[in-house]
Amino acid sequence: MIMDVARDAIYTMLIVSAPPLLVGMAVGLVIALFQTLTQIQEMTLIFVPKIVLVFATIMLLLPWMVREVSEFLERLMDIAVTLP
């Protein structure tokens, strides 16, 4: 039962954290490609768009993320209630 709860927790964590991480990775890849093609080596060019887009992704998907975590907590409480 402990392994099932741990597996469910890891799965929930991966599902909730995947969209912002994937957006950050995609933005970083596009900016790195742009910097390579134009030979602009400005460090702030990487961080500002990445921070803005990851923040926008989190704000856009926040209701879904909260719902996923809430469902996980409900499943956890159901398991806790059924324990002897």
N, C-alpha and C. Protein backbone atom coordinates (compact mmCIF):
# COMPACT_ATOMS: atom_id res chain seq x y z
N MET A 1 0.83 -1.19 0.00
CA MET A 1 0.00 0.00 0.00
C MET A 1 0.88 1.27 0.00
N ILE A 2 2.00 1.22 0.72
CA ILE A 2 2.91 2.37 0.76
C ILE A 2 3.49 2.63 -0.62
N MET A 3 3.82 1.56 -1.32
CA MET A 3 4.36 1.72 -2.68
C MET A 3 3.32 2.32 -3.63
N ASP A 4 2.06 1.95 -3.46
CA ASP A 4 1.01 2.52 -4.30
C ASP A 4 0.85 4.02 -4.06
N VAL A 5 0.90 4.41 -2.79
CA VAL A 5 0.80 5.84 -2.46
C VAL A 5 2.01 6.59 -3.00
N ALA A 6 3.20 6.02 -2.84
CA ALA A 6 4.41 6.67 -3.35
C ALA A 6 4.37 6.78 -4.87
N ARG A 7 3.91 5.73 -5.54
CA ARG A 7 3.80 5.75 -7.00
C ARG A 7 2.79 6.81 -7.46
N ASP A 8 1.67 6.90 -6.77
CA ASP A 8 0.65 7.89 -7.10
C ASP A 8 1.17 9.31 -6.86
N ALA A 9 1.93 9.50 -5.78
CA ALA A 9 2.49 10.82 -5.48
C ALA A 9 3.50 11.24 -6.55
N ILE A 10 4.35 10.33 -6.96
CA ILE A 10 5.35 10.65 -7.99
C ILE A 10 4.67 10.93 -9.32
N TYR A 11 3.66 10.12 -9.66
CA TYR A 11 2.93 10.34 -10.90
C TYR A 11 2.24 11.71 -10.90
N THR A 12 1.59 12.06 -9.79
CA THR A 12 0.92 13.35 -9.69
C THR A 12 1.93 14.49 -9.80
N MET A 13 3.07 14.35 -9.14
CA MET A 13 4.10 15.38 -9.21
C MET A 13 4.62 15.56 -10.63
N LEU A 14 4.82 14.46 -11.34
CA LEU A 14 5.30 14.54 -12.72
C LEU A 14 4.26 15.18 -13.64
N ILE A 15 3.01 14.81 -13.48
CA ILE A 15 1.94 15.35 -14.32
C ILE A 15 1.78 16.85 -14.08
N VAL A 16 1.84 17.27 -12.83
CA VAL A 16 1.63 18.69 -12.51
C VAL A 16 2.83 19.55 -12.93
N SER A 17 4.02 19.01 -12.80
CA SER A 17 5.20 19.83 -13.09
C SER A 17 5.63 19.77 -14.56
N ALA A 18 5.09 18.85 -15.33
CA ALA A 18 5.53 18.68 -16.72
C ALA A 18 5.25 19.88 -17.62
N PRO A 19 4.06 20.47 -17.63
CA PRO A 19 3.82 21.58 -18.57
C PRO A 19 4.77 22.77 -18.40
N PRO A 20 4.98 23.31 -17.18
CA PRO A 20 5.93 24.42 -17.08
C PRO A 20 7.36 24.03 -17.45
N LEU A 21 7.76 22.81 -17.10
CA LEU A 21 9.11 22.36 -17.45
C LEU A 21 9.27 22.22 -18.96
N LEU A 22 8.26 21.67 -19.62
CA LEU A 22 8.34 21.53 -21.07
C LEU A 22 8.35 22.88 -21.78
N VAL A 23 7.55 23.83 -21.28
CA VAL A 23 7.56 25.17 -21.87
C VAL A 23 8.93 25.82 -21.68
N GLY A 24 9.50 25.70 -20.48
CA GLY A 24 10.83 26.25 -20.23
C GLY A 24 11.89 25.63 -21.12
N MET A 25 11.79 24.32 -21.33
CA MET A 25 12.76 23.64 -22.19
C MET A 25 12.60 24.07 -23.64
N ALA A 26 11.36 24.18 -24.10
CA ALA A 26 11.12 24.59 -25.49
C ALA A 26 11.57 26.03 -25.74
N VAL A 27 11.27 26.92 -24.81
CA VAL A 27 11.70 28.31 -24.95
C VAL A 27 13.22 28.41 -24.94
N GLY A 28 13.85 27.67 -24.03
CA GLY A 28 15.31 27.66 -23.99
C GLY A 28 15.93 27.16 -25.28
N LEU A 29 15.33 26.13 -25.86
CA LEU A 29 15.82 25.58 -27.12
C LEU A 29 15.67 26.58 -28.26
N VAL A 30 14.52 27.24 -28.33
CA VAL A 30 14.29 28.23 -29.39
C VAL A 30 15.24 29.41 -29.24
N ILE A 31 15.43 29.87 -28.02
CA ILE A 31 16.33 31.02 -27.81
C ILE A 31 17.78 30.63 -28.09
N ALA A 32 18.17 29.42 -27.70
CA ALA A 32 19.53 28.96 -27.98
C ALA A 32 19.76 28.86 -29.48
N LEU A 33 18.76 28.38 -30.21
CA LEU A 33 18.87 28.32 -31.66
C LEU A 33 18.98 29.72 -32.26
N PHE A 34 18.16 30.64 -31.76
CA PHE A 34 18.22 32.03 -32.22
C PHE A 34 19.58 32.66 -31.94
N GLN A 35 20.12 32.42 -30.74
CA GLN A 35 21.44 32.96 -30.39
C GLN A 35 22.53 32.35 -31.26
N THR A 36 22.40 31.09 -31.58
CA THR A 36 23.40 30.44 -32.42
C THR A 36 23.36 31.00 -33.83
N LEU A 37 22.17 31.19 -34.35
CA LEU A 37 22.04 31.69 -35.72
C LEU A 37 22.47 33.14 -35.86
N THR A 38 22.21 33.96 -34.84
CA THR A 38 22.54 35.39 -34.92
C THR A 38 23.85 35.74 -34.24
N GLN A 39 24.43 34.80 -33.52
CA GLN A 39 25.67 35.00 -32.76
C GLN A 39 25.55 36.10 -31.71
N ILE A 40 24.35 36.27 -31.18
CA ILE A 40 24.12 37.18 -30.05
C ILE A 40 24.30 36.36 -28.78
N GLN A 41 25.22 36.76 -27.93
CA GLN A 41 25.48 36.00 -26.71
C GLN A 41 25.09 36.82 -25.48
N GLU A 42 23.89 37.28 -25.44
CA GLU A 42 23.38 38.06 -24.32
C GLU A 42 22.70 37.11 -23.33
N MET A 43 23.15 37.08 -22.09
CA MET A 43 22.63 36.14 -21.10
C MET A 43 21.20 36.48 -20.68
N THR A 44 20.86 37.77 -20.62
CA THR A 44 19.50 38.13 -20.20
C THR A 44 18.46 37.75 -21.24
N LEU A 45 18.89 37.55 -22.47
CA LEU A 45 17.97 37.15 -23.52
C LEU A 45 17.37 35.78 -23.24
N ILE A 46 18.09 34.96 -22.50
CA ILE A 46 17.60 33.63 -22.16
C ILE A 46 16.55 33.70 -21.05
N PHE A 47 16.83 34.46 -20.01
CA PHE A 47 16.04 34.39 -18.79
C PHE A 47 14.70 35.10 -18.87
N VAL A 48 14.64 36.27 -19.43
CA VAL A 48 13.40 37.05 -19.42
C VAL A 48 12.26 36.34 -20.14
N PRO A 49 12.41 35.92 -21.40
CA PRO A 49 11.28 35.23 -22.04
C PRO A 49 10.92 33.91 -21.35
N LYS A 50 11.94 33.20 -20.87
CA LYS A 50 11.68 31.92 -20.23
C LYS A 50 10.87 32.12 -18.95
N ILE A 51 11.24 33.10 -18.14
CA ILE A 51 10.52 33.37 -16.90
C ILE A 51 9.08 33.81 -17.20
N VAL A 52 8.92 34.67 -18.17
CA VAL A 52 7.58 35.16 -18.51
C VAL A 52 6.70 34.03 -19.01
N LEU A 53 7.21 33.20 -19.91
CA LEU A 53 6.39 32.13 -20.48
C LEU A 53 6.11 31.01 -19.47
N VAL A 54 7.05 30.68 -18.63
CA VAL A 54 6.80 29.67 -17.60
C VAL A 54 5.77 30.20 -16.60
N PHE A 55 5.88 31.47 -16.22
CA PHE A 55 4.91 32.06 -15.31
C PHE A 55 3.52 32.09 -15.95
N ALA A 56 3.45 32.43 -17.22
CA ALA A 56 2.16 32.44 -17.92
C ALA A 56 1.57 31.04 -18.00
N THR A 57 2.41 30.05 -18.23
CA THR A 57 1.93 28.67 -18.27
C THR A 57 1.38 28.24 -16.92
N ILE A 58 2.08 28.59 -15.86
CA ILE A 58 1.60 28.24 -14.52
C ILE A 58 0.28 28.93 -14.23
N MET A 59 0.16 30.20 -14.58
CA MET A 59 -1.10 30.92 -14.34
C MET A 59 -2.24 30.35 -15.17
N LEU A 60 -1.96 29.97 -16.39
CA LEU A 60 -2.98 29.41 -17.27
C LEU A 60 -3.45 28.03 -16.79
N LEU A 61 -2.52 27.22 -16.32
CA LEU A 61 -2.84 25.85 -15.93
C LEU A 61 -3.05 25.68 -14.42
N LEU A 62 -3.04 26.76 -13.66
CA LEU A 62 -3.17 26.65 -12.21
C LEU A 62 -4.45 25.96 -11.77
N PRO A 63 -5.62 26.24 -12.35
CA PRO A 63 -6.81 25.50 -11.90
C PRO A 63 -6.70 23.99 -12.11
N TRP A 64 -6.14 23.60 -13.24
CA TRP A 64 -5.94 22.17 -13.50
C TRP A 64 -4.94 21.57 -12.52
N MET A 65 -3.85 22.29 -12.24
CA MET A 65 -2.83 21.79 -11.32
C MET A 65 -3.41 21.61 -9.91
N VAL A 66 -4.19 22.58 -9.46
CA VAL A 66 -4.80 22.49 -8.13
C VAL A 66 -5.79 21.33 -8.08
N ARG A 67 -6.55 21.13 -9.16
CA ARG A 67 -7.50 20.03 -9.21
C ARG A 67 -6.78 18.68 -9.14
N GLU A 68 -5.66 18.54 -9.85
CA GLU A 68 -4.90 17.29 -9.81
C GLU A 68 -4.36 17.01 -8.41
N VAL A 69 -3.82 18.02 -7.76
CA VAL A 69 -3.28 17.83 -6.41
C VAL A 69 -4.41 17.55 -5.42
N SER A 70 -5.55 18.22 -5.59
CA SER A 70 -6.69 17.98 -4.71
C SER A 70 -7.22 16.56 -4.86
N GLU A 71 -7.28 16.07 -6.09
CA GLU A 71 -7.72 14.69 -6.31
C GLU A 71 -6.75 13.70 -5.68
N PHE A 72 -5.46 13.99 -5.76
CA PHE A 72 -4.47 13.13 -5.10
C PHE A 72 -4.68 13.12 -3.59
N LEU A 73 -4.92 14.30 -3.02
CA LEU A 73 -5.13 14.37 -1.57
C LEU A 73 -6.42 13.65 -1.16
N GLU A 74 -7.45 13.73 -1.99
CA GLU A 74 -8.68 12.99 -1.70
C GLU A 74 -8.44 11.49 -1.73
N ARG A 75 -7.67 11.02 -2.71
CA ARG A 75 -7.33 9.60 -2.76
C ARG A 75 -6.52 9.19 -1.53
N LEU A 76 -5.62 10.07 -1.10
CA LEU A 76 -4.81 9.79 0.08
C LEU A 76 -5.67 9.73 1.33
N MET A 77 -6.64 10.63 1.46
CA MET A 77 -7.53 10.62 2.62
C MET A 77 -8.44 9.39 2.60
N ASP A 78 -8.88 8.97 1.42
CA ASP A 78 -9.69 7.76 1.33
C ASP A 78 -8.91 6.54 1.81
N ILE A 79 -7.64 6.49 1.48
CA ILE A 79 -6.80 5.38 1.93
C ILE A 79 -6.61 5.46 3.44
N ALA A 80 -6.42 6.67 3.96
CA ALA A 80 -6.19 6.84 5.40
C ALA A 80 -7.43 6.45 6.20
N VAL A 81 -8.61 6.71 5.64
CA VAL A 81 -9.85 6.37 6.36
C VAL A 81 -10.06 4.87 6.40
N THR A 82 -9.63 4.17 5.34
CA THR A 82 -9.86 2.73 5.28
C THR A 82 -8.82 1.92 6.06
N LEU A 83 -7.81 2.57 6.60
CA LEU A 83 -6.80 1.84 7.37
C LEU A 83 -7.42 1.31 8.66
N PRO A 84 -6.99 0.13 9.10
CA PRO A 84 -7.57 -0.44 10.34
C PRO A 84 -7.11 0.30 11.57
